[in-house]
């Protein structure tokens, strides 16, 4: 019984499964038919949209083609219009070119005609000039000279006033500016001057010391003079003896040596030699100190110590009575100030002024001029060629560089100041004689006088030989010759005097 129940149950389950399967299969088949229908519908819709898009694209393409054709037609019309205008312009240009060629031909013909006329005129002038020269008996150049001479004679007064006015106008402004600069520079560099003498006076405690300095049979004074190279002058001057010599260094060595001997009290040849040696060492130290102080005063550093020592020797060197070291310091300061005013290289001008007279420190010992000696010394101690060139041109008539002109000017200012220098009587007379000789070499000059210590020369001309204009020319020529032939500090004024003196007597 139970077996039958189990069998029935199994059959029922199997039948249920079968029925379920059939139902499921029918449901799946229905769904499949529904998806296929939808897919078919979507495909149809897509095809319809594709046809619509193609139609729209064809329409748009046709419209673009139509627009392109219209643009092409428009451009063709524009190009045609442009071509037409260019053709018209080309025709107009050709027409104008033909007109220009025609005008050019006419101008060339007229130019040839003018040249022919010029030739005929020139020939006529030449013929007329030849006839005039034949009639007048002189050529063209001579006639021009005669005419110029006549015009000059007729207009002497106006020419003289014009020349004078132009000369004054051209020099007043420049001289005013130069005076302003120089006055400012000189004022800023004011230095007292005192001429150096060739003798030195030594005070002694008593006249009894004179005999001790002379020594037995004069052996002490001879020893001093031989070792120092000076001359000891012992005269009736109370409590003083005189040391004479052209070398300031030797005079100072002798003075120091005598001071030591007088202070020690023992005076004999051996003691004199020791005193002189000590004095030389002290002078050497003073020379070094003087050079260092001079370099410090003018503000120049980085110089070789030996070069500074050579500069210090200038303390015991004079030129026309002027102390050369003091002159060097002043020239250096003046050069720096002038360079500052004129826009030149201040350092270069200052160094050039500082070494411009360095050759004078050893010119008594080395052969050659102080310019040549100075240049050699500067090159030996590594001074630049620009500085050497500017420094050694202070005696040239025409320095090549602006700094050279500045150093030359500063040297003239320092040496030309009143009281700065003094000449010997013979040299003074020689300079005045040379100045008068230069002024009296021209025809028509009556006499000439050098005055103002050679700073001015006055020339009297004969009024019956030279006119006012000729006197002006003579003054210019004399000034040029003085500049080229003579050497002098500062400037020399040339005054030419022409006057008529008419004397009558009433009786």
Protein backbone atom coordinates (compact mmCIF):
# COMPACT_ATOMS: atom_id res chain seq x y z
CA UNK A 1 0.00 0.00 0.00
CA UNK A 2 2.69 2.34 0.86
CA UNK A 3 4.53 1.37 -2.30
CA UNK A 4 1.60 2.29 -4.42
CA UNK A 5 1.37 5.61 -2.69
CA UNK A 6 5.01 6.35 -3.34
CA UNK A 7 4.67 5.33 -6.96
CA UNK A 8 1.67 7.55 -7.44
CA UNK A 9 3.42 10.39 -5.82
CA UNK A 10 6.43 10.03 -8.10
CA UNK A 11 4.21 9.88 -11.16
CA UNK A 12 2.38 12.97 -10.02
CA UNK A 13 5.65 14.84 -9.49
CA UNK A 14 6.93 13.81 -12.89
CA UNK A 15 3.78 14.95 -14.55
CA UNK A 16 3.94 18.24 -12.65
CA UNK A 17 7.48 18.84 -13.85
CA UNK A 18 6.46 18.11 -17.40
CA UNK A 19 3.52 20.45 -17.28
CA UNK A 20 5.79 23.17 -15.74
CA UNK A 21 8.32 22.72 -18.48
CA UNK A 22 5.66 23.11 -21.17
CA UNK A 23 4.29 26.23 -19.53
CA UNK A 24 7.76 27.74 -19.17
CA UNK A 25 8.57 27.00 -22.79
CA UNK A 26 5.44 28.71 -23.97
CA UNK A 27 6.24 31.78 -21.85
CA UNK A 28 9.84 31.98 -23.21
CA UNK A 29 8.60 31.62 -26.78
CA UNK A 30 6.14 34.47 -26.28
CA UNK A 31 8.84 36.73 -24.90
CA UNK A 32 11.14 35.88 -27.81
CA UNK A 33 8.49 36.79 -30.33
CA UNK A 34 7.93 40.09 -28.52
CA UNK A 35 11.75 41.08 -28.59
CA UNK A 36 12.05 40.18 -32.27
CA UNK A 37 9.09 42.39 -33.08
CA UNK A 38 10.64 45.27 -31.17
CA UNK A 39 13.98 44.80 -32.89
CA UNK A 40 12.32 44.79 -36.27
CA UNK A 41 10.50 47.98 -35.38
CA UNK A 42 13.73 49.68 -34.29
CA UNK A 43 15.42 48.67 -37.53
CA UNK A 44 12.60 50.13 -39.58
CA UNK A 45 12.76 53.38 -37.61
CA UNK A 46 16.53 53.59 -38.10
CA UNK A 47 16.15 53.07 -41.85
CA UNK A 48 13.53 55.81 -42.01
CA UNK A 49 15.81 58.22 -40.10
CA UNK A 50 18.71 57.32 -42.40
CA UNK A 51 16.64 58.16 -45.45
CA UNK A 52 15.62 61.48 -43.90
CA UNK A 53 19.25 62.35 -43.05
CA UNK A 54 20.39 61.49 -46.56
CA UNK A 55 17.68 63.66 -48.03
CA UNK A 56 18.67 66.58 -45.79
CA UNK A 57 22.35 66.11 -46.64
CA UNK A 58 21.59 66.10 -50.36
CA UNK A 59 19.53 69.27 -49.98
CA UNK A 60 22.32 70.99 -48.03
CA UNK A 61 24.94 69.89 -50.54
CA UNK A 62 22.83 71.25 -53.37
CA UNK A 63 22.43 74.58 -51.54
CA UNK A 64 26.20 74.80 -50.87
CA UNK A 65 26.92 74.08 -54.50
CA UNK A 66 24.50 76.83 -55.52
CA UNK A 67 26.14 79.30 -53.11
CA UNK A 68 29.63 78.34 -54.38
CA UNK A 69 28.52 78.91 -57.95
CA UNK A 70 27.11 82.30 -57.02
CA UNK A 71 30.41 83.26 -55.19
CA UNK A 72 32.43 82.13 -58.18
CA UNK A 73 30.34 84.23 -60.51
CA UNK A 74 30.70 87.23 -58.20
CA UNK A 75 34.51 86.82 -58.04
CA UNK A 76 34.71 86.42 -61.77
CA UNK A 77 32.84 89.68 -62.19
CA UNK A 78 35.17 91.41 -59.70
CA UNK A 79 38.27 90.01 -61.42
CA UNK A 80 36.92 91.18 -64.73
CA UNK A 81 36.35 94.66 -63.34
CA UNK A 82 39.86 94.75 -61.86
CA UNK A 83 41.34 93.57 -65.15
CA UNK A 84 39.43 96.27 -66.97
CA UNK A 85 40.72 98.97 -64.59
CA UNK A 86 44.30 97.69 -64.88
CA UNK A 87 44.09 97.76 -68.65
CA UNK A 88 42.85 101.35 -68.50
CA UNK A 89 45.68 102.33 -66.11
CA UNK A 90 48.25 100.61 -68.29
CA UNK A 91 46.99 102.54 -71.29
CA UNK A 92 47.16 105.80 -69.25
CA UNK A 93 50.68 104.95 -68.01
CA UNK A 94 51.88 104.20 -71.51
CA UNK A 95 50.44 107.51 -72.65
CA UNK A 96 52.19 109.41 -69.83
CA UNK A 97 55.44 107.56 -70.49
CA UNK A 98 55.31 108.66 -74.07
CA UNK A 99 54.67 112.22 -72.95
CA UNK A 100 57.66 112.06 -70.52
CA UNK A 101 59.93 110.70 -73.22
CA UNK A 102 58.81 113.49 -75.48
CA UNK A 103 59.48 116.08 -72.76
CA UNK A 104 62.88 114.52 -71.96
CA UNK A 105 63.82 114.72 -75.60
CA UNK A 106 62.82 118.38 -75.67
CA UNK A 107 64.79 119.07 -72.44
CA UNK A 108 67.89 117.40 -73.84
CA UNK A 109 67.58 119.46 -76.97
CA UNK A 110 67.24 122.61 -74.86
CA UNK A 111 70.25 121.58 -72.70
CA UNK A 112 72.36 121.16 -75.81
CA UNK A 113 71.16 124.51 -77.02
CA UNK A 114 72.05 126.09 -73.63
CA UNK A 115 75.52 124.49 -73.71
CA UNK A 116 76.05 125.91 -77.16
CA UNK A 117 74.94 129.33 -75.92
CA UNK A 118 77.26 129.04 -72.89
CA UNK A 119 80.14 128.20 -75.15
CA UNK A 120 79.36 131.20 -77.31
CA UNK A 121 79.10 133.42 -74.21
CA UNK A 122 82.40 132.09 -72.86
CA UNK A 123 84.03 132.73 -76.17
CA UNK A 124 82.65 136.25 -76.20
CA UNK A 125 83.94 136.78 -72.62
CA UNK A 126 87.34 135.43 -73.53
CA UNK A 127 87.49 137.68 -76.57
CA UNK A 128 86.38 140.67 -74.51
CA UNK A 129 88.89 139.85 -71.74
CA UNK A 130 91.64 139.56 -74.31
CA UNK A 131 90.67 142.92 -75.79
CA UNK A 132 90.54 144.49 -72.29
CA UNK A 133 93.94 143.04 -71.35
CA UNK A 134 95.35 144.32 -74.65
CA UNK A 135 93.88 147.77 -74.06
CA UNK A 136 94.84 147.94 -70.35
CA UNK A 137 98.24 146.36 -70.82
CA UNK A 138 97.81 143.90 -67.88
CA UNK A 139 96.46 140.41 -67.38
CA UNK A 140 93.47 139.33 -65.29
CA UNK A 141 95.43 138.48 -62.12
CA UNK A 142 97.25 141.79 -62.15
CA UNK A 143 94.02 143.69 -62.74
CA UNK A 144 92.41 141.90 -59.79
CA UNK A 145 95.39 142.76 -57.59
CA UNK A 146 95.23 146.41 -58.64
CA UNK A 147 91.50 146.47 -57.95
CA UNK A 148 91.96 144.85 -54.52
CA UNK A 149 94.73 147.30 -53.64
CA UNK A 150 92.53 150.23 -54.66
CA UNK A 151 89.59 148.89 -52.68
CA UNK A 152 91.85 148.28 -49.68
CA UNK A 153 93.23 151.83 -49.82
CA UNK A 154 89.78 153.35 -50.21
CA UNK A 155 88.32 151.32 -47.34
CA UNK A 156 91.24 151.17 -44.91
CA UNK A 157 89.38 152.75 -42.04
CA UNK A 158 86.31 150.53 -42.43
CA UNK A 159 88.51 147.44 -42.82
CA UNK A 160 90.52 148.36 -39.74
CA UNK A 161 87.41 148.92 -37.64
CA UNK A 162 85.92 145.67 -38.93
CA UNK A 163 89.08 143.68 -38.22
CA UNK A 164 89.35 145.22 -34.77
CA UNK A 165 85.69 144.50 -34.01
CA UNK A 166 85.95 140.88 -35.19
CA UNK A 167 89.19 140.37 -33.26
CA UNK A 168 87.68 141.79 -30.09
CA UNK A 169 84.47 139.79 -30.46
CA UNK A 170 86.38 136.55 -31.09
CA UNK A 171 88.76 137.01 -28.16
CA UNK A 172 86.64 138.68 -25.49
CA UNK A 173 84.46 135.63 -24.84
CA UNK A 174 87.35 133.14 -24.91
CA UNK A 175 89.63 135.34 -22.83
CA UNK A 176 86.86 135.95 -20.33
CA UNK A 177 86.20 132.25 -19.91
CA UNK A 178 89.92 131.45 -19.73
CA UNK A 179 90.50 134.21 -17.15
CA UNK A 180 87.60 132.91 -15.06
CA UNK A 181 88.97 129.35 -15.07
CA UNK A 182 92.56 130.40 -14.41
CA UNK A 183 91.57 132.91 -11.71
CA UNK A 184 89.50 130.27 -9.95
CA UNK A 185 92.29 127.70 -10.21
CA UNK A 186 95.02 130.11 -9.08
CA UNK A 187 92.89 131.33 -6.19
CA UNK A 188 92.27 127.76 -5.03
CA UNK A 189 96.00 127.03 -5.26
CA UNK A 190 97.53 130.08 -3.64
CA UNK A 191 101.16 129.50 -2.64
CA UNK A 192 103.65 131.93 -1.19
CA UNK A 193 106.86 132.23 -3.19
CA UNK A 194 110.33 132.99 -1.99
CA UNK A 195 113.35 132.86 -4.24
CA UNK A 196 116.10 130.50 -3.19
CA UNK A 197 119.55 131.98 -2.76
CA UNK A 198 122.89 130.40 -3.58
CA UNK A 199 124.27 131.14 -0.11
CA UNK A 200 123.44 129.96 3.40
CA UNK A 201 124.25 131.82 6.57
CA UNK A 202 125.33 129.90 9.69
CA UNK A 203 125.19 131.54 13.10
CA UNK A 204 128.11 130.83 15.43
CA UNK A 205 128.34 131.46 19.17
CA UNK A 206 131.39 133.74 18.97
CA UNK A 207 133.99 135.09 16.59
CA UNK A 208 136.58 132.89 18.31
CA UNK A 209 134.88 129.92 16.63
CA UNK A 210 135.88 131.31 13.21
CA UNK A 211 139.55 130.64 13.96
CA UNK A 212 138.79 127.09 15.06
CA UNK A 213 136.80 126.47 11.87
CA UNK A 214 139.73 127.77 9.79
CA UNK A 215 142.19 125.62 11.71
CA UNK A 216 145.95 125.63 11.73
CA UNK A 217 147.16 126.96 8.39
CA UNK A 218 143.57 126.62 7.12
CA UNK A 219 143.48 122.80 7.15
CA UNK A 220 139.99 122.56 8.71
CA UNK A 221 138.28 124.90 6.26
CA UNK A 222 140.07 123.23 3.31
CA UNK A 223 138.88 119.81 4.50
CA UNK A 224 135.28 121.01 4.80
CA UNK A 225 135.35 122.61 1.35
CA UNK A 226 136.92 119.54 -0.28
CA UNK A 227 134.53 117.02 1.28
CA UNK A 228 131.30 119.03 0.86
CA UNK A 229 132.11 120.85 -2.40
CA UNK A 230 131.09 124.29 -1.09
CA UNK A 231 132.95 127.50 -0.31
CA UNK A 232 133.15 128.75 3.28
CA UNK A 233 133.25 132.56 3.41
CA UNK A 234 134.53 133.93 6.70
CA UNK A 235 134.53 137.72 6.82
CA UNK A 236 134.03 140.50 9.36
CA UNK A 237 130.34 139.73 9.84
CA UNK A 238 129.92 139.23 13.58
CA UNK A 239 128.84 135.81 14.84
CA UNK A 240 128.14 134.45 11.35
CA UNK A 241 129.81 132.69 8.46
CA UNK A 242 128.53 132.19 4.92
CA UNK A 243 128.30 128.90 3.01
CA UNK A 244 128.28 129.47 -0.74
CA UNK A 245 127.45 126.94 -3.45
CA UNK A 246 125.04 126.33 -6.32
CA UNK A 247 123.94 122.93 -4.94
CA UNK A 248 121.43 123.33 -2.07
CA UNK A 249 122.13 119.75 -0.94
CA UNK A 250 125.83 120.43 -0.54
CA UNK A 251 125.12 123.69 1.31
CA UNK A 252 122.77 121.95 3.74
CA UNK A 253 125.22 119.07 4.30
CA UNK A 254 127.96 121.58 5.09
CA UNK A 255 125.67 123.56 7.39
CA UNK A 256 124.57 120.48 9.35
CA UNK A 257 128.14 119.24 9.60
CA UNK A 258 129.35 122.61 10.93
CA UNK A 259 126.49 122.76 13.42
CA UNK A 260 127.51 119.34 14.76
CA UNK A 261 131.17 120.36 14.95
CA UNK A 262 130.36 123.61 16.74
CA UNK A 263 128.11 121.78 19.18
CA UNK A 264 130.78 119.13 19.84
CA UNK A 265 133.60 121.67 20.09
CA UNK A 266 136.23 119.36 18.59
CA UNK A 267 137.12 120.45 15.07
CA UNK A 268 139.79 118.53 13.14
CA UNK A 269 139.87 116.67 9.78
CA UNK A 270 138.86 113.25 11.16
CA UNK A 271 135.96 114.72 13.12
CA UNK A 272 134.94 116.76 10.08
CA UNK A 273 134.67 113.60 7.96
CA UNK A 274 132.46 111.89 10.58
CA UNK A 275 130.23 114.96 10.88
CA UNK A 276 129.81 115.21 7.11
CA UNK A 277 128.85 111.52 6.85
CA UNK A 278 126.23 111.93 9.59
CA UNK A 279 124.91 115.07 7.88
CA UNK A 280 124.58 113.20 4.57
CA UNK A 281 122.54 110.45 6.28
CA UNK A 282 120.25 113.04 7.87
CA UNK A 283 119.81 114.83 4.54
CA UNK A 284 118.93 111.49 2.89
CA UNK A 285 116.22 110.93 5.50
CA UNK A 286 114.95 114.49 4.98
CA UNK A 287 114.84 113.91 1.21
CA UNK A 288 112.77 110.75 1.65
CA UNK A 289 110.45 112.51 4.09
CA UNK A 290 110.07 115.48 1.73
CA UNK A 291 109.10 113.19 -1.15
CA UNK A 292 106.55 111.31 0.97
CA UNK A 293 105.06 114.56 2.28
CA UNK A 294 104.81 115.97 -1.26
CA UNK A 295 103.05 112.82 -2.52
CA UNK A 296 100.67 112.93 0.45
CA UNK A 297 99.96 116.64 -0.05
CA UNK A 298 98.92 116.22 -3.69
CA UNK A 299 97.06 112.95 -3.03
CA UNK A 300 99.13 110.54 -5.14
CA UNK A 301 99.70 107.02 -3.82
CA UNK A 302 101.08 103.70 -5.09
CA UNK A 303 104.35 105.18 -6.36
CA UNK A 304 107.65 103.35 -6.07
CA UNK A 305 109.50 104.46 -2.86
CA UNK A 306 112.67 105.10 -4.87
CA UNK A 307 110.73 107.34 -7.25
CA UNK A 308 109.29 109.25 -4.27
CA UNK A 309 112.82 109.65 -2.89
CA UNK A 310 113.98 111.12 -6.22
CA UNK A 311 111.06 113.57 -6.02
CA UNK A 312 112.25 114.51 -2.54
CA UNK A 313 115.64 115.55 -3.97
CA UNK A 314 113.83 118.41 -5.69
CA UNK A 315 113.56 120.08 -2.28
CA UNK A 316 117.22 120.98 -2.67
CA UNK A 317 116.98 122.00 -6.35
CA UNK A 318 116.14 125.45 -7.66
CA UNK A 319 115.20 126.79 -11.10
CA UNK A 320 115.70 130.53 -11.62
CA UNK A 321 115.61 130.87 -7.83
CA UNK A 322 112.33 128.91 -7.45
CA UNK A 323 112.29 125.78 -5.31
CA UNK A 324 111.55 122.92 -7.72
CA UNK A 325 109.73 120.70 -5.18
CA UNK A 326 107.38 123.54 -4.26
CA UNK A 327 106.97 124.23 -7.98
CA UNK A 328 106.18 120.53 -8.58
CA UNK A 329 103.51 120.48 -5.86
CA UNK A 330 101.90 123.62 -7.26
CA UNK A 331 101.97 122.33 -10.86
CA UNK A 332 100.35 119.07 -9.68
CA UNK A 333 97.56 120.92 -7.88
CA UNK A 334 97.02 123.33 -10.77
CA UNK A 335 96.93 120.45 -13.27
CA UNK A 336 94.28 118.62 -11.24
CA UNK A 337 92.12 121.74 -10.94
CA UNK A 338 92.43 122.63 -14.63
CA UNK A 339 91.65 119.05 -15.66
CA UNK A 340 88.57 119.11 -13.46
CA UNK A 341 87.34 122.34 -15.10
CA UNK A 342 88.10 121.17 -18.64
CA UNK A 343 86.75 117.63 -18.33
CA UNK A 344 90.14 115.91 -18.79
CA UNK A 345 91.54 112.88 -16.94
CA UNK A 346 92.25 114.33 -13.48
CA UNK A 347 94.43 111.43 -12.24
CA UNK A 348 96.51 111.39 -15.41
CA UNK A 349 97.02 115.18 -15.33
CA UNK A 350 97.92 115.06 -11.63
CA UNK A 351 100.54 112.32 -12.08
CA UNK A 352 101.98 114.07 -15.14
CA UNK A 353 102.31 117.32 -13.17
CA UNK A 354 103.96 115.48 -10.28
CA UNK A 355 106.75 113.97 -12.41
CA UNK A 356 107.13 116.70 -15.07
CA UNK A 357 110.39 118.07 -13.57
CA UNK A 358 111.72 114.87 -11.97
CA UNK A 359 114.71 114.92 -14.33
CA UNK A 360 116.00 118.05 -12.58
CA UNK A 361 116.70 115.96 -9.46
CA UNK A 362 119.67 114.28 -11.17
CA UNK A 363 120.39 116.44 -14.24
CA UNK A 364 123.69 117.55 -12.68
CA UNK A 365 124.78 113.91 -12.44
CA UNK A 366 123.29 112.39 -15.63
CA UNK A 367 123.94 113.59 -19.17
CA UNK A 368 120.97 114.92 -21.15
CA UNK A 369 118.11 117.38 -20.77
CA UNK A 370 115.81 117.11 -17.77
CA UNK A 371 113.01 116.08 -20.19
CA UNK A 372 114.97 113.08 -21.50
CA UNK A 373 116.25 112.15 -18.03
CA UNK A 374 112.74 112.42 -16.55
CA UNK A 375 111.23 110.19 -19.25
CA UNK A 376 113.90 107.52 -18.63
CA UNK A 377 113.32 107.63 -14.86
CA UNK A 378 109.54 107.31 -15.26
CA UNK A 379 109.86 104.33 -17.63
CA UNK A 380 112.29 102.66 -15.24
CA UNK A 381 109.73 102.82 -12.41
CA UNK A 382 106.76 101.67 -14.50
CA UNK A 383 104.95 104.98 -15.12
CA UNK A 384 102.47 104.66 -18.01
CA UNK A 385 103.33 106.12 -21.41
CA UNK A 386 100.26 108.39 -21.33
CA UNK A 387 101.53 110.04 -18.15
CA UNK A 388 105.07 110.33 -19.54
CA UNK A 389 103.80 111.82 -22.79
CA UNK A 390 101.71 114.46 -21.00
CA UNK A 391 104.49 115.25 -18.49
CA UNK A 392 107.32 115.63 -20.97
CA UNK A 393 105.39 117.97 -23.29
CA UNK A 394 105.43 120.91 -20.88
CA UNK A 395 108.14 122.62 -22.96
CA UNK A 396 106.64 121.74 -26.38
CA UNK A 397 105.07 124.51 -28.44
CA UNK A 398 102.12 122.31 -29.44
CA UNK A 399 101.40 119.47 -26.97
CA UNK A 400 99.59 116.53 -28.56
CA UNK A 401 97.20 115.71 -25.71
CA UNK A 402 94.81 117.77 -23.59
CA UNK A 403 96.60 116.65 -20.43
CA UNK A 404 99.89 117.83 -21.98
CA UNK A 405 98.38 121.27 -22.61
CA UNK A 406 97.13 121.35 -19.01
CA UNK A 407 100.56 120.49 -17.58
CA UNK A 408 102.22 123.09 -19.83
CA UNK A 409 99.69 125.71 -18.69
CA UNK A 410 100.13 124.82 -15.02
CA UNK A 411 103.92 125.00 -15.41
CA UNK A 412 103.62 128.46 -17.01
CA UNK A 413 101.29 129.69 -14.25
CA UNK A 414 103.61 128.49 -11.50
CA UNK A 415 106.76 129.83 -13.13
CA UNK A 416 105.20 133.06 -14.38
CA UNK A 417 103.83 134.34 -11.09
CA UNK A 418 105.39 137.56 -9.82
CA UNK A 419 108.17 136.68 -7.40
CA UNK A 420 108.22 133.01 -8.30
CA UNK A 421 111.44 133.12 -10.26
CA UNK A 422 114.38 135.39 -10.82
CA UNK A 423 116.82 135.47 -13.73
CA UNK A 424 120.42 136.41 -13.74
CA UNK A 425 121.18 139.92 -14.94
CA UNK A 426 122.86 138.64 -18.12
CA UNK A 427 119.95 136.32 -18.98
CA UNK A 428 117.48 139.12 -18.33
CA UNK A 429 119.30 141.46 -20.71
CA UNK A 430 119.64 138.71 -23.31
CA UNK A 431 115.89 138.03 -23.27
CA UNK A 432 115.03 141.71 -23.65
CA UNK A 433 117.51 142.08 -26.50
CA UNK A 434 116.08 139.06 -28.34
CA UNK A 435 112.58 140.45 -27.90
CA UNK A 436 113.53 143.83 -29.36
CA UNK A 437 115.41 142.21 -32.25
CA UNK A 438 112.35 140.18 -33.24
CA UNK A 439 110.20 143.33 -33.18
CA UNK A 440 112.53 145.52 -35.27
CA UNK A 441 113.18 143.22 -38.23
CA UNK A 442 110.25 144.54 -40.31
CA UNK A 443 110.41 147.42 -42.75
CA UNK A 444 108.82 150.67 -41.63
CA UNK A 445 109.52 150.16 -37.91
CA UNK A 446 111.17 153.15 -36.26
CA UNK A 447 112.07 151.68 -32.87
CA UNK A 448 110.94 149.07 -30.34
CA UNK A 449 111.20 148.86 -26.56
CA UNK A 450 110.80 145.85 -24.28
CA UNK A 451 109.13 146.95 -21.05
CA UNK A 452 107.37 145.44 -18.03
CA UNK A 453 110.31 143.06 -17.44
CA UNK A 454 109.85 141.61 -20.91
CA UNK A 455 106.07 141.17 -20.58
CA UNK A 456 105.33 143.81 -23.21
CA UNK A 457 107.03 145.15 -26.32
CA UNK A 458 106.06 148.53 -27.76
CA UNK A 459 106.78 149.08 -31.44
CA UNK A 460 106.73 152.52 -33.04
CA UNK A 461 106.17 152.52 -36.81
CA UNK A 462 106.70 155.23 -39.38
CA UNK A 463 103.28 156.57 -40.45
CA UNK A 464 104.56 157.55 -43.90
CA UNK A 465 105.60 153.93 -44.64
CA UNK A 466 102.94 151.79 -42.94
CA UNK A 467 99.19 152.36 -42.91
CA UNK A 468 96.87 151.42 -40.05
CA UNK A 469 95.96 148.13 -41.74
CA UNK A 470 99.61 147.31 -42.37
CA UNK A 471 100.43 148.15 -38.76
CA UNK A 472 97.78 145.65 -37.68
CA UNK A 473 99.37 143.00 -39.88
CA UNK A 474 102.84 143.80 -38.51
CA UNK A 475 101.58 143.37 -34.92
CA UNK A 476 100.18 139.95 -35.78
CA UNK A 477 103.43 138.88 -37.49
CA UNK A 478 105.57 140.04 -34.55
CA UNK A 479 103.38 138.10 -32.10
CA UNK A 480 103.63 134.94 -34.25
CA UNK A 481 107.42 135.23 -34.50
CA UNK A 482 107.77 135.75 -30.74
CA UNK A 483 105.70 132.61 -30.13
CA UNK A 484 107.74 130.51 -32.55
CA UNK A 485 111.27 131.81 -31.76
CA UNK A 486 111.40 132.77 -28.08
CA UNK A 487 110.80 130.83 -24.88
CA UNK A 488 109.14 132.73 -22.05
CA UNK A 489 106.68 132.11 -19.19
CA UNK A 490 103.21 133.62 -19.41
CA UNK A 491 102.41 135.92 -22.33
CA UNK A 492 103.96 138.95 -24.04
CA UNK A 493 101.82 141.88 -25.11
CA UNK A 494 102.69 143.42 -28.50
CA UNK A 495 101.66 147.07 -28.87
CA UNK A 496 102.18 148.76 -32.25
CA UNK A 497 101.91 152.57 -32.17
CA UNK A 498 101.36 154.63 -35.34
CA UNK A 499 100.78 158.34 -35.01
CA UNK A 500 101.21 161.52 -37.04
CA UNK A 501 102.67 164.57 -35.30
CA UNK A 502 102.29 167.79 -37.24
CA UNK A 503 104.14 170.83 -35.86
CA UNK A 504 103.75 174.35 -37.11
CA UNK A 505 105.20 177.59 -35.76
CA UNK A 506 103.39 180.92 -35.69
CA UNK A 507 105.80 183.85 -35.95
